[in-house]
Amino acid sequence: MPSNTGVLVSVHHLSTAVSPLEGTRSPAFLNVKAGDWVIVQAQQQVAHQLNDDWWMGQVVFCEGGARDARVNTMFQVSNVDDGCITWINGDEVTHVVRSLDGLPLAA
């Protein structure tokens, strides 16, 4: 009977292929953390129609994604106008607003 005592060796080769994402900006939501202020743009529901439905809020809680729990893709955001807390998808975050000294805008 043959023995299964062989050693598995993994060899990593550097790829010379260029990434299709090279030169593109990473999505704004990748740097969002609790306490950040964000500009939220609702997703367009109708093609070729300008959607001007945006609002500003403060991130209350960040939730990791299904593929990688270390990457936040869902956020609970408190709307600055009415205080309503809403779950949003990361792709709805268009800008992250930071103060110059790195501290939150409100105390």
Protein backbone atom coordinates (compact mmCIF):
# COMPACT_ATOMS: atom_id res chain seq x y z
CA MET A 1 0.00 0.00 0.00
CA PRO A 2 1.44 3.42 -0.92
CA SER A 3 2.13 5.87 1.89
CA ASN A 4 0.63 9.37 1.90
CA THR A 5 3.62 10.99 3.60
CA GLY A 6 4.45 13.30 0.72
CA VAL A 7 5.05 16.97 1.40
CA LEU A 8 2.87 19.57 -0.29
CA VAL A 9 4.83 22.55 -1.52
CA SER A 10 3.24 25.80 -2.57
CA VAL A 11 5.11 27.89 -5.13
CA HIS A 12 4.07 31.50 -5.59
CA HIS A 13 4.88 33.19 -8.86
CA LEU A 14 4.66 36.93 -9.33
CA SER A 15 2.14 37.77 -11.99
CA THR A 16 3.18 40.10 -14.78
CA ALA A 17 -0.46 40.76 -15.70
CA VAL A 18 -1.75 44.29 -15.19
CA SER A 19 -4.78 44.61 -12.94
CA PRO A 20 -7.91 45.95 -14.69
CA LEU A 21 -8.38 48.22 -11.65
CA GLU A 22 -4.95 49.81 -11.91
CA GLY A 23 -5.19 53.58 -12.15
CA THR A 24 -8.77 53.71 -10.83
CA ARG A 25 -9.70 55.31 -7.53
CA SER A 26 -10.85 53.04 -4.74
CA PRO A 27 -14.45 53.49 -3.58
CA ALA A 28 -14.99 56.14 -0.90
CA PHE A 29 -16.61 53.70 1.53
CA LEU A 30 -13.44 51.64 1.99
CA ASN A 31 -12.02 54.27 4.37
CA VAL A 32 -15.22 54.93 6.34
CA LYS A 33 -15.28 54.24 10.08
CA ALA A 34 -17.71 54.97 12.91
CA GLY A 35 -17.77 58.69 13.70
CA ASP A 36 -16.99 59.81 10.14
CA TRP A 37 -19.27 62.25 8.34
CA VAL A 38 -20.41 61.09 4.90
CA ILE A 39 -22.34 62.40 1.92
CA VAL A 40 -24.93 59.83 0.84
CA GLN A 41 -26.41 59.72 -2.66
CA ALA A 42 -29.42 57.46 -3.11
CA GLN A 43 -29.12 55.02 -5.99
CA GLN A 44 -30.85 56.01 -9.22
CA GLN A 45 -34.07 54.10 -9.79
CA VAL A 46 -34.68 55.25 -13.37
CA ALA A 47 -32.09 55.23 -16.15
CA HIS A 48 -31.08 58.59 -17.67
CA GLN A 49 -32.72 60.60 -14.92
CA LEU A 50 -30.65 62.94 -12.77
CA ASN A 51 -30.98 61.92 -9.14
CA ASP A 52 -30.39 64.88 -6.84
CA ASP A 53 -31.41 62.99 -3.69
CA TRP A 54 -28.40 63.36 -1.38
CA TRP A 55 -27.92 63.97 2.32
CA MET A 56 -25.22 64.19 4.97
CA GLY A 57 -24.91 62.00 8.03
CA GLN A 58 -22.59 60.65 10.68
CA VAL A 59 -21.64 56.98 10.68
CA VAL A 60 -22.89 55.25 13.83
CA PHE A 61 -21.96 51.62 13.06
CA CYS A 62 -20.08 49.72 10.34
CA GLU A 63 -20.88 46.16 9.24
CA GLY A 64 -18.50 43.86 7.38
CA GLY A 65 -19.40 42.27 4.07
CA ALA A 66 -20.35 38.67 3.33
CA ARG A 67 -17.23 37.95 1.28
CA ASP A 68 -14.79 39.57 3.70
CA ALA A 69 -15.96 40.62 7.16
CA ARG A 70 -12.92 42.92 7.49
CA VAL A 71 -14.23 45.19 4.69
CA ASN A 72 -17.14 47.35 5.78
CA THR A 73 -19.90 47.46 3.18
CA MET A 74 -23.00 48.40 5.21
CA PHE A 75 -23.30 51.42 7.48
CA GLN A 76 -25.79 52.81 9.97
CA VAL A 77 -25.83 56.56 9.37
CA SER A 78 -27.58 59.28 11.39
CA ASN A 79 -29.07 61.92 9.08
CA VAL A 80 -27.96 65.43 10.18
CA ASP A 81 -31.29 66.97 9.15
CA ASP A 82 -33.73 64.77 11.07
CA GLY A 83 -31.58 62.43 13.21
CA CYS A 84 -33.11 59.37 11.58
CA ILE A 85 -30.71 56.39 11.59
CA THR A 86 -30.67 54.51 8.28
CA TRP A 87 -28.81 51.47 6.94
CA ILE A 88 -27.02 52.28 3.68
CA ASN A 89 -24.89 50.30 1.24
CA GLY A 90 -21.28 51.37 0.87
CA ASP A 91 -21.75 52.33 -2.78
CA GLU A 92 -24.18 55.06 -1.69
CA VAL A 93 -21.31 56.93 0.05
CA THR A 94 -19.99 59.50 -2.41
CA HIS A 95 -17.70 61.50 -0.10
CA VAL A 96 -16.15 61.17 3.32
CA VAL A 97 -16.03 64.56 5.07
CA ARG A 98 -13.18 65.06 7.53
CA SER A 99 -12.19 68.11 9.55
CA LEU A 100 -8.69 69.55 9.09
CA ASP A 101 -7.48 68.42 12.50
CA GLY A 102 -8.84 64.89 12.11
CA LEU A 103 -11.41 65.31 14.89
CA PRO A 104 -15.17 64.84 14.41
CA LEU A 105 -17.04 67.96 13.30
CA ALA A 106 -19.40 67.90 16.30
CA ALA A 107 -18.45 67.48 19.94
